[in-house]
């Protein structure tokens, strides 16, 4: 009799637990980069409203390394219960085409929730280079084939892929010079060690404002309110040259659709808040908040796009 009562009590407790609305405990948001970087700062900007809407704490956990793949693998293998999330960049769509082997399946192991923001790269030139527009750069590059170089933050990283796409689109030949991050790349540009480079606006903006770097164009479809005087690449004379990135939210594949919808709804509210919308341009982002299905389509499209650029530019696959 006692055993029966104990089993019945356990079953009742289990049913009550399952009946509790989602979420009923703290969530973990995994950031694949070090604390203090643009993605980490943006995540911390979004979390207060996101947490408030969910009615639960959202704990940020930084798991940096391997171009974001360490964090992605952690989330891919987490329980699909809606309590472990990945906030990451479009680099997540680059890795499958760049690495020979990944410990996860980028197509099957993640459930896209929402594209939080869109982003773009800005083409900057060292102030020590006598180039004041994209037209000037193309003229100089064509007059000196192979004589100019551009900085990048690692093989296969977004600045590298955009640089290679720029070369393929315009027919110019420039040598790439890799650096270990945005900070050393911008330092080299300021010093005149490299001529030009594509990089995130958030990190480039202080150098542009100080006059140490000269912004020539941006890969966005529209000008940025942060630097409205800088034209898009299309406006600057490079037809169809548009490549935007994103910051997106993912859950492990198999996460229940109601949980996905709830996470999407609350993140969209956070992105739409006045404080967040005011600060995003300075970080190089524009608010989006797309639906799970829209983001899934964008993610699949980018997987194909970046794989094609890597293949056509003959970028060596990484271990």
Protein backbone atom coordinates (compact mmCIF):
# COMPACT_ATOMS: atom_id res chain seq x y z
CA UNK A 1 0.00 0.00 0.00
CA UNK A 2 2.80 2.37 0.95
CA UNK A 3 4.59 1.56 -2.32
CA UNK A 4 1.41 2.27 -4.30
CA UNK A 5 0.96 5.64 -2.58
CA UNK A 6 4.61 6.53 -3.21
CA UNK A 7 4.35 5.64 -6.91
CA UNK A 8 1.11 7.57 -7.27
CA UNK A 9 2.67 10.61 -5.60
CA UNK A 10 5.71 10.43 -7.89
CA UNK A 11 3.48 10.15 -10.97
CA UNK A 12 1.39 13.09 -9.82
CA UNK A 13 4.52 15.19 -9.24
CA UNK A 14 5.78 14.27 -12.71
CA UNK A 15 2.48 15.28 -14.32
CA UNK A 16 2.48 18.58 -12.44
CA UNK A 17 6.05 19.26 -13.62
CA UNK A 18 5.10 18.60 -17.24
CA UNK A 19 1.99 20.75 -16.86
CA UNK A 20 3.98 23.76 -15.70
CA UNK A 21 4.20 26.47 -18.36
CA UNK A 22 7.46 27.01 -20.20
CA UNK A 23 9.83 28.29 -19.00
CA UNK A 24 9.83 27.33 -15.33
CA UNK A 25 13.57 27.59 -14.57
CA UNK A 26 16.56 29.74 -15.63
CA UNK A 27 17.81 29.61 -19.24
CA UNK A 28 21.38 29.60 -20.46
CA UNK A 29 22.42 31.72 -23.45
CA UNK A 30 25.74 30.54 -24.88
CA UNK A 31 27.97 33.17 -26.50
CA UNK A 32 30.75 31.74 -28.71
CA UNK A 33 33.13 34.66 -28.16
CA UNK A 34 35.00 36.24 -25.26
CA UNK A 35 33.36 38.66 -22.86
CA UNK A 36 33.56 42.29 -23.94
CA UNK A 37 33.35 41.68 -27.69
CA UNK A 38 30.54 43.03 -29.85
CA UNK A 39 28.47 39.81 -29.73
CA UNK A 40 28.85 39.53 -25.95
CA UNK A 41 27.95 43.21 -25.44
CA UNK A 42 24.89 42.81 -27.67
CA UNK A 43 23.77 39.67 -25.86
CA UNK A 44 24.00 41.49 -22.53
CA UNK A 45 22.04 44.38 -24.01
CA UNK A 46 19.25 42.03 -25.10
CA UNK A 47 19.02 39.80 -22.04
CA UNK A 48 17.29 42.10 -19.50
CA UNK A 49 14.12 42.56 -21.61
CA UNK A 50 14.30 38.98 -22.87
CA UNK A 51 14.54 37.65 -19.33
CA UNK A 52 11.74 39.93 -18.14
CA UNK A 53 9.43 38.69 -20.88
CA UNK A 54 10.17 35.03 -20.14
CA UNK A 55 9.79 35.54 -16.42
CA UNK A 56 13.03 33.66 -15.75
CA UNK A 57 16.73 34.58 -15.40
CA UNK A 58 18.80 34.19 -18.56
CA UNK A 59 22.42 33.42 -17.76
CA UNK A 60 25.07 34.31 -20.33
CA UNK A 61 27.85 31.77 -20.68
CA UNK A 62 30.91 32.54 -22.84
CA UNK A 63 32.41 29.51 -24.59
CA UNK A 64 34.97 30.98 -26.97
CA UNK A 65 37.22 29.15 -29.39
CA UNK A 66 37.46 27.39 -32.76
CA UNK A 67 35.63 30.16 -34.61
CA UNK A 68 32.46 29.63 -32.59
CA UNK A 69 32.41 25.86 -33.04
CA UNK A 70 33.04 25.02 -29.37
CA UNK A 71 29.89 26.83 -28.29
CA UNK A 72 27.92 25.46 -31.24
CA UNK A 73 28.91 21.90 -30.38
CA UNK A 74 27.94 22.42 -26.75
CA UNK A 75 24.46 23.63 -27.71
CA UNK A 76 24.02 20.98 -30.40
CA UNK A 77 24.52 18.28 -27.75
CA UNK A 78 22.41 19.97 -25.05
CA UNK A 79 18.94 18.67 -24.15
CA UNK A 80 16.30 19.94 -26.58
CA UNK A 81 14.19 21.40 -23.79
CA UNK A 82 14.40 25.11 -24.62
CA UNK A 83 16.73 25.97 -21.74
CA UNK A 84 20.06 26.08 -23.62
CA UNK A 85 20.38 28.62 -26.43
CA UNK A 86 23.07 29.76 -28.84
CA UNK A 87 23.42 33.40 -29.86
CA UNK A 88 25.89 33.61 -32.70
CA UNK A 89 26.84 35.29 -35.96
CA UNK A 90 26.68 34.25 -39.61
CA UNK A 91 30.06 32.64 -39.00
CA UNK A 92 27.91 29.69 -37.93
CA UNK A 93 26.84 29.36 -41.57
CA UNK A 94 30.45 29.66 -42.78
CA UNK A 95 31.99 26.86 -40.70
CA UNK A 96 30.40 23.91 -42.58
CA UNK A 97 32.00 25.06 -45.82
CA UNK A 98 35.32 25.97 -44.22
CA UNK A 99 36.18 23.01 -42.00
CA UNK A 100 36.98 19.52 -43.19
CA UNK A 101 35.03 18.06 -40.29
CA UNK A 102 32.81 19.44 -37.54
CA UNK A 103 31.63 17.66 -34.38
CA UNK A 104 28.05 18.64 -35.23
CA UNK A 105 25.78 18.78 -38.27
CA UNK A 106 25.00 22.43 -39.01
CA UNK A 107 21.96 21.46 -41.08
CA UNK A 108 20.36 19.03 -38.65
CA UNK A 109 21.48 19.84 -35.10
CA UNK A 110 19.98 23.31 -34.64
CA UNK A 111 16.54 24.89 -34.55
CA UNK A 112 16.67 28.50 -35.80
CA UNK A 113 14.59 30.80 -33.60
CA UNK A 114 15.06 34.30 -34.99
CA UNK A 115 17.47 36.53 -36.86
CA UNK A 116 17.95 39.13 -34.16
CA UNK A 117 19.83 41.69 -36.21
CA UNK A 118 21.46 42.24 -39.56
CA UNK A 119 24.99 43.47 -39.88
CA UNK A 120 27.38 44.55 -42.56
CA UNK A 121 31.06 45.10 -43.07
CA UNK A 122 32.61 48.43 -43.90
CA UNK A 123 35.46 48.81 -46.37
CA UNK A 124 38.09 51.05 -44.81
CA UNK A 125 41.38 52.38 -46.10
CA UNK A 126 44.38 53.50 -44.16
CA UNK A 127 44.51 57.30 -43.95
CA UNK A 128 48.09 56.93 -45.19
CA UNK A 129 46.81 55.61 -48.54
CA UNK A 130 45.80 58.22 -51.12
CA UNK A 131 42.39 56.64 -51.69
CA UNK A 132 39.18 58.52 -50.96
CA UNK A 133 36.53 56.35 -52.66
CA UNK A 134 35.91 52.86 -53.95
CA UNK A 135 36.54 54.21 -57.48
CA UNK A 136 39.96 55.46 -56.34
CA UNK A 137 40.75 52.07 -54.84
CA UNK A 138 39.74 50.17 -57.98
CA UNK A 139 41.77 52.50 -60.20
CA UNK A 140 44.85 52.10 -58.01
CA UNK A 141 44.45 48.34 -57.71
CA UNK A 142 44.11 47.94 -61.47
CA UNK A 143 47.12 50.16 -62.07
CA UNK A 144 49.19 48.07 -59.62
CA UNK A 145 48.01 44.43 -59.93
CA UNK A 146 48.99 42.61 -56.75
CA UNK A 147 50.51 45.80 -55.37
CA UNK A 148 47.84 46.42 -52.75
CA UNK A 149 46.87 44.27 -49.80
CA UNK A 150 43.89 43.88 -47.54
CA UNK A 151 43.67 42.81 -43.92
CA UNK A 152 41.52 39.98 -42.68
CA UNK A 153 40.79 38.35 -39.34
CA UNK A 154 41.50 34.73 -40.09
CA UNK A 155 41.14 32.46 -43.10
CA UNK A 156 37.50 31.97 -43.96
CA UNK A 157 36.26 34.64 -41.55
CA UNK A 158 33.66 37.10 -42.92
CA UNK A 159 36.24 39.83 -43.77
CA UNK A 160 38.19 37.26 -45.80
CA UNK A 161 35.14 36.00 -47.69
CA UNK A 162 33.92 39.53 -48.43
CA UNK A 163 37.42 40.50 -49.58
CA UNK A 164 37.54 37.53 -51.94
CA UNK A 165 34.05 38.30 -53.22
CA UNK A 166 35.15 41.90 -53.83
CA UNK A 167 38.12 40.63 -55.87
CA UNK A 168 35.93 38.23 -57.87
CA UNK A 169 33.29 40.90 -58.51
CA UNK A 170 35.65 43.70 -59.55
CA UNK A 171 38.48 41.71 -61.12
CA UNK A 172 41.19 43.33 -58.99
CA UNK A 173 44.12 41.45 -57.50
CA UNK A 174 45.02 42.20 -53.89
CA UNK A 175 47.09 40.18 -51.44
CA UNK A 176 45.39 39.14 -48.20
CA UNK A 177 47.19 39.60 -44.89
CA UNK A 178 45.73 37.62 -41.96
CA UNK A 179 45.52 38.88 -38.37
CA UNK A 180 44.29 37.20 -35.20
CA UNK A 181 41.39 39.56 -34.62
CA UNK A 182 39.75 42.87 -35.43
CA UNK A 183 41.90 44.86 -32.99
CA UNK A 184 45.30 43.92 -34.52
CA UNK A 185 43.90 44.28 -38.05
CA UNK A 186 42.69 47.81 -37.36
CA UNK A 187 45.98 48.66 -35.64
CA UNK A 188 47.82 47.55 -38.79
CA UNK A 189 45.49 49.64 -40.95
CA UNK A 190 46.03 52.71 -38.77
CA UNK A 191 49.80 52.19 -38.97
CA UNK A 192 49.65 51.79 -42.75
CA UNK A 193 51.00 48.23 -42.65
CA UNK A 194 48.02 47.14 -44.76
CA UNK A 195 46.13 49.25 -47.27
CA UNK A 196 42.46 48.35 -46.88
CA UNK A 197 40.22 45.91 -45.08
CA UNK A 198 36.63 44.86 -44.54
CA UNK A 199 35.55 44.78 -40.91
CA UNK A 200 32.60 45.17 -38.52
CA UNK A 201 31.46 48.77 -38.13
CA UNK A 202 31.29 48.52 -34.34
CA UNK A 203 35.06 48.06 -34.09
CA UNK A 204 35.95 50.37 -36.99
CA UNK A 205 33.80 53.32 -35.97
CA UNK A 206 36.18 54.91 -33.42
CA UNK A 207 39.01 54.86 -35.98
CA UNK A 208 36.72 56.31 -38.67
CA UNK A 209 35.52 59.10 -36.37
CA UNK A 210 39.10 59.95 -35.38
CA UNK A 211 40.18 60.18 -39.03
CA UNK A 212 42.76 57.38 -38.70
CA UNK A 213 40.80 55.24 -41.14
CA UNK A 214 38.79 56.30 -44.16
CA UNK A 215 35.45 54.55 -44.78
CA UNK A 216 34.90 53.90 -48.49
CA UNK A 217 31.73 51.83 -48.59
CA UNK A 218 29.57 49.32 -46.78
CA UNK A 219 28.15 45.96 -47.80
CA UNK A 220 24.62 46.80 -46.56
CA UNK A 221 21.64 47.48 -48.86
CA UNK A 222 21.13 50.88 -47.20
CA UNK A 223 23.34 53.46 -45.53
CA UNK A 224 23.86 53.21 -41.80
CA UNK A 225 22.57 55.94 -39.49
CA UNK A 226 25.86 55.61 -37.61
CA UNK A 227 27.82 56.85 -40.67
CA UNK A 228 25.20 58.20 -43.12
CA UNK A 229 27.85 59.91 -45.23
CA UNK A 230 29.37 56.58 -46.29
CA UNK A 231 27.78 55.04 -49.42
CA UNK A 232 26.81 51.44 -49.93
CA UNK A 233 29.08 49.44 -52.21
CA UNK A 234 26.40 49.56 -54.91
CA UNK A 235 26.18 53.35 -54.63
CA UNK A 236 29.98 53.44 -54.75
CA UNK A 237 29.97 51.78 -58.16
CA UNK A 238 30.14 48.02 -57.52
CA UNK A 239 26.88 46.58 -58.97
CA UNK A 240 25.08 43.88 -56.96
CA UNK A 241 27.77 43.90 -54.27
CA UNK A 242 25.71 43.38 -51.16
CA UNK A 243 26.46 40.96 -48.38
CA UNK A 244 24.87 41.24 -44.97
CA UNK A 245 25.53 39.17 -41.92
CA UNK A 246 23.40 38.46 -38.91
CA UNK A 247 23.20 37.76 -35.23
CA UNK A 248 20.83 34.89 -34.62
CA UNK A 249 19.34 32.76 -31.88
CA UNK A 250 19.31 28.96 -32.06
CA UNK A 251 18.14 26.07 -29.88
CA UNK A 252 19.08 22.40 -30.19
CA UNK A 253 17.18 20.55 -32.91
CA UNK A 254 14.05 18.87 -31.60
CA UNK A 255 13.10 21.72 -29.27
CA UNK A 256 9.30 21.86 -29.07
CA UNK A 257 7.67 24.37 -31.41
CA UNK A 258 5.75 26.14 -28.60
CA UNK A 259 9.06 26.82 -26.86
CA UNK A 260 10.57 28.10 -30.12
CA UNK A 261 7.60 30.42 -30.65
CA UNK A 262 7.80 31.74 -27.09
CA UNK A 263 11.53 32.44 -27.40
CA UNK A 264 10.98 34.15 -30.75
CA UNK A 265 8.20 36.34 -29.36
CA UNK A 266 10.18 37.49 -26.34
CA UNK A 267 13.40 38.11 -28.26
CA UNK A 268 11.45 40.15 -30.82
CA UNK A 269 10.09 42.30 -27.99
CA UNK A 270 13.60 42.82 -26.67
CA UNK A 271 14.93 43.80 -30.10
CA UNK A 272 12.04 46.23 -30.50
CA UNK A 273 12.61 48.01 -27.19
CA UNK A 274 13.68 51.65 -27.39
CA UNK A 275 16.96 51.14 -25.50
CA UNK A 276 18.08 48.27 -27.71
CA UNK A 277 17.12 49.98 -30.98
CA UNK A 278 18.99 53.10 -29.91
CA UNK A 279 22.23 51.28 -29.16
CA UNK A 280 22.34 48.72 -31.99
CA UNK A 281 23.61 51.07 -34.77
CA UNK A 282 26.68 51.93 -32.72
CA UNK A 283 27.44 48.21 -32.47
CA UNK A 284 27.13 47.83 -36.24
CA UNK A 285 23.73 46.15 -36.14
CA UNK A 286 20.22 46.89 -37.39
CA UNK A 287 17.20 45.26 -35.67
CA UNK A 288 15.36 42.47 -37.52
CA UNK A 289 13.41 39.93 -35.45
CA UNK A 290 12.44 37.52 -38.24
CA UNK A 291 10.19 34.50 -37.68
CA UNK A 292 11.65 31.02 -37.09
CA UNK A 293 10.70 29.95 -40.62
CA UNK A 294 12.17 33.09 -42.20
CA UNK A 295 15.40 32.67 -40.28
CA UNK A 296 15.61 28.98 -41.17
CA UNK A 297 15.35 29.89 -44.87
CA UNK A 298 18.02 32.59 -44.52
CA UNK A 299 20.29 30.19 -42.66
CA UNK A 300 20.00 27.51 -45.36
CA UNK A 301 20.65 30.09 -48.09
CA UNK A 302 23.79 31.34 -46.33
CA UNK A 303 25.13 27.82 -45.86
CA UNK A 304 25.06 27.46 -49.65
CA UNK A 305 26.37 30.98 -50.38
CA UNK A 306 29.44 30.80 -48.15
CA UNK A 307 30.30 27.29 -49.27
CA UNK A 308 30.29 28.57 -52.87
CA UNK A 309 32.56 31.54 -52.09
CA UNK A 310 35.01 29.30 -50.22
CA UNK A 311 35.04 26.84 -53.09
CA UNK A 312 35.43 29.41 -55.88
CA UNK A 313 38.09 31.40 -53.99
CA UNK A 314 39.93 28.13 -53.34
CA UNK A 315 40.30 28.86 -49.65
CA UNK A 316 42.02 25.86 -48.01
CA UNK A 317 39.75 23.83 -45.78
CA UNK A 318 40.66 24.02 -42.10
CA UNK A 319 41.24 21.11 -39.74
